[in-house]
C-alpha atoms as a PDB file:
ATOM      1  CA  MET A   1     -11.879  12.605  -0.120  1.00  0.00           C
ATOM      2  CA  ALA A   2     -10.883  10.560  -3.138  1.00  0.00           C
ATOM      3  CA  THR A   3      -8.179   7.935  -2.887  1.00  0.00           C
ATOM      4  CA  PRO A   4      -5.504   7.606  -5.584  1.00  0.00           C
ATOM      5  CA  TRP A   5      -7.731   4.952  -7.139  1.00  0.00           C
ATOM      6  CA  GLU A   6     -10.889   7.097  -7.210  1.00  0.00           C
ATOM      7  CA  ASN A   7     -11.704  10.408  -8.754  1.00  0.00           C
ATOM      8  CA  ASP A   8     -13.701  13.056  -6.926  1.00  0.00           C
ATOM      9  CA  ARG A   9     -16.927  11.332  -7.975  1.00  0.00           C
ATOM     10  CA  GLY A  10     -15.768   8.068  -6.379  1.00  0.00           C
ATOM     11  CA  ASP A  11     -15.286   6.328  -9.735  1.00  0.00           C
ATOM     12  CA  ARG A  12     -12.742   3.547  -9.563  1.00  0.00           C
ATOM     13  CA  GLY A  13     -10.432   2.840 -12.423  1.00  0.00           C
ATOM     14  CA  LYS A  14      -7.292   4.512 -13.577  1.00  0.00           C
ATOM     15  CA  PRO A  15      -5.464   6.167 -10.719  1.00  0.00           C
ATOM     16  CA  CYS A  16      -5.793   9.915 -10.716  1.00  0.00           C
ATOM     17  CA  TYR A  17      -2.447  10.859  -9.255  1.00  0.00           C
ATOM     18  CA  ILE A  18      -1.414  14.442  -9.023  1.00  0.00           C
ATOM     19  CA  ASP A  19       2.209  15.551  -8.925  1.00  0.00           C
ATOM     20  CA  PRO A  20       2.507  16.059  -5.130  1.00  0.00           C
ATOM     21  CA  MET A  21       1.318  12.483  -4.586  1.00  0.00           C
ATOM     22  CA  VAL A  22       4.342  10.999  -6.344  1.00  0.00           C
ATOM     23  CA  THR A  23       7.192  10.458  -3.938  1.00  0.00           C
ATOM     24  CA  LYS A  24      10.614  11.897  -4.658  1.00  0.00           C
ATOM     25  CA  ALA A  25      12.121   8.402  -4.668  1.00  0.00           C
ATOM     26  CA  LEU A  26       9.601   7.242  -7.273  1.00  0.00           C
ATOM     27  CA  LYS A  27      10.200  10.292  -9.461  1.00  0.00           C
ATOM     28  CA  ASN A  28      13.947   9.708  -9.301  1.00  0.00           C
ATOM     29  CA  ILE A  29      13.765   6.069 -10.340  1.00  0.00           C
ATOM     30  CA  LEU A  30      11.216   6.773 -13.081  1.00  0.00           C
ATOM     31  CA  ASP A  31      13.518   9.415 -14.513  1.00  0.00           C
ATOM     32  CA  ARG A  32      16.420   6.944 -14.541  1.00  0.00           C
ATOM     33  CA  ILE A  33      14.422   4.096 -16.085  1.00  0.00           C
ATOM     34  CA  GLY A  34      14.478   5.984 -19.377  1.00  0.00           C
ATOM     35  CA  THR A  35      18.250   5.473 -19.516  1.00  0.00           C
ATOM     36  CA  TRP A  36      18.055   1.714 -18.982  1.00  0.00           C
ATOM     37  CA  PRO A  37      18.355  -0.866 -21.784  1.00  0.00           C
ATOM     38  CA  GLU A  38      15.041  -1.672 -23.482  1.00  0.00           C
ATOM     39  CA  ASN A  39      14.736  -5.149 -21.934  1.00  0.00           C
ATOM     40  CA  ALA A  40      15.205  -3.685 -18.431  1.00  0.00           C
ATOM     41  CA  GLN A  41      12.609  -1.000 -19.163  1.00  0.00           C
ATOM     42  CA  ASN A  42      10.165  -3.685 -20.302  1.00  0.00           C
ATOM     43  CA  GLU A  43      10.799  -5.688 -17.131  1.00  0.00           C
ATOM     44  CA  ALA A  44      10.237  -2.595 -14.968  1.00  0.00           C
ATOM     45  CA  ALA A  45       6.995  -1.831 -16.797  1.00  0.00           C
ATOM     46  CA  ALA A  46       5.767  -5.405 -16.383  1.00  0.00           C
ATOM     47  CA  THR A  47       6.577  -5.338 -12.653  1.00  0.00           C
ATOM     48  CA  LEU A  48       4.724  -2.061 -12.147  1.00  0.00           C
ATOM     49  CA  GLN A  49       1.727  -3.427 -14.063  1.00  0.00           C
ATOM     50  CA  VAL A  50       1.566  -6.418 -11.711  1.00  0.00           C
ATOM     51  CA  ILE A  51       1.639  -4.087  -8.694  1.00  0.00           C
ATOM     52  CA  GLU A  52      -1.055  -1.900 -10.254  1.00  0.00           C
ATOM     53  CA  GLN A  53      -3.307  -4.908 -10.870  1.00  0.00           C
ATOM     54  CA  GLU A  54      -3.083  -5.815  -7.194  1.00  0.00           C
ATOM     55  CA  PHE A  55      -4.486  -2.382  -6.330  1.00  0.00           C
ATOM     56  CA  LEU A  56      -7.185  -2.450  -9.015  1.00  0.00           C
ATOM     57  CA  ALA A  57      -8.469  -5.931  -8.289  1.00  0.00           C
ATOM     58  CA  PRO A  58     -11.229  -6.080  -5.699  1.00  0.00           C
ATOM     59  CA  HIS A  59     -10.285  -7.793  -2.467  1.00  0.00           C
ATOM     60  CA  ILE A  60     -12.562 -10.688  -1.648  1.00  0.00           C
ATOM     61  CA  VAL A  61     -13.177 -10.892   2.078  1.00  0.00           C
ATOM     62  CA  THR A  62     -13.175 -14.513   3.169  1.00  0.00           C
ATOM     63  CA  ASP A  63     -14.937 -16.040   6.163  1.00  0.00           C
ATOM     64  CA  GLU A  64     -11.499 -16.256   7.797  1.00  0.00           C
ATOM     65  CA  ASP A  65     -10.982 -12.505   7.177  1.00  0.00           C
ATOM     66  CA  ARG A  66     -14.396 -11.738   8.687  1.00  0.00           C
ATOM     67  CA  ALA A  67     -13.621 -13.824  11.759  1.00  0.00           C
ATOM     68  CA  ALA A  68     -10.277 -12.049  12.210  1.00  0.00           C
ATOM     69  CA  LEU A  69     -11.977  -8.656  11.902  1.00  0.00           C
ATOM     70  CA  GLU A  70     -14.588  -9.669  14.471  1.00  0.00           C
ATOM     71  CA  ARG A  71     -11.849 -10.824  16.877  1.00  0.00           C
ATOM     72  CA  SER A  72     -10.004  -7.563  16.351  1.00  0.00           C
ATOM     73  CA  ALA A  73     -13.134  -5.501  17.002  1.00  0.00           C
ATOM     74  CA  GLU A  74     -13.784  -7.501  20.163  1.00  0.00           C
ATOM     75  CA  ASP A  75     -10.201  -6.930  21.316  1.00  0.00           C
ATOM     76  CA  VAL A  76     -10.625  -3.179  20.872  1.00  0.00           C
ATOM     77  CA  THR A  77     -13.961  -3.220  22.687  1.00  0.00           C
ATOM     78  CA  GLN A  78     -12.352  -5.086  25.583  1.00  0.00           C
ATOM     79  CA  GLY A  79      -9.301  -2.832  25.621  1.00  0.00           C
ATOM     80  CA  ARG A  80      -6.977  -5.648  24.562  1.00  0.00           C
ATOM     81  CA  PHE A  81      -4.418  -3.849  22.459  1.00  0.00           C
ATOM     82  CA  ALA A  82      -0.825  -2.758  22.811  1.00  0.00           C
ATOM     83  CA  THR A  83      -0.042   0.609  24.325  1.00  0.00           C
ATOM     84  CA  ASP A  84       2.333   2.983  22.567  1.00  0.00           C
ATOM     85  CA  GLU A  85       4.961   1.989  25.116  1.00  0.00           C
ATOM     86  CA  ASP A  86       4.447  -1.711  24.342  1.00  0.00           C
ATOM     87  CA  VAL A  87       4.890  -1.078  20.637  1.00  0.00           C
ATOM     88  CA  GLN A  88       8.028   1.023  21.170  1.00  0.00           C
ATOM     89  CA  ARG A  89       9.520  -1.689  23.402  1.00  0.00           C
ATOM     90  CA  VAL A  90       8.969  -4.371  20.750  1.00  0.00           C
ATOM     91  CA  PHE A  91      10.283  -2.188  17.930  1.00  0.00           C
ATOM     92  CA  GLY A  92      13.271  -1.314  20.082  1.00  0.00           C
ATOM     93  CA  ARG A  93      14.243  -4.963  20.230  1.00  0.00           C
ATOM     94  CA  PHE A  94      14.302  -5.373  16.475  1.00  0.00           C
ATOM     95  CA  ARG A  95      15.621  -2.019  15.264  1.00  0.00           C
ATOM     96  CA  ARG A  96      19.028  -1.950  13.716  1.00  0.00           C
ATOM     97  CA  ALA A  97      21.582   0.150  15.521  1.00  0.00           C
END
């Protein structure tokens, strides 16, 4: 299955979003941006371009990343990971009331 950044042939490049993939919140703000002053619209466009570039740029896996992935795989193999109950307990401590 293609990701938003690939077409059905697996080509990377421009995102091939389809309408259902755009969240309601994003649609709402994009509709309102057209009513903003020109300088604010330009700032919004520049911000979105920066975010897009982060998704388009390849991620370089460092030796540190590889070591962390190996440790994580070893933890899973050894059964060293939080249970659902552990996760809920931790989230419960930090959730806002």
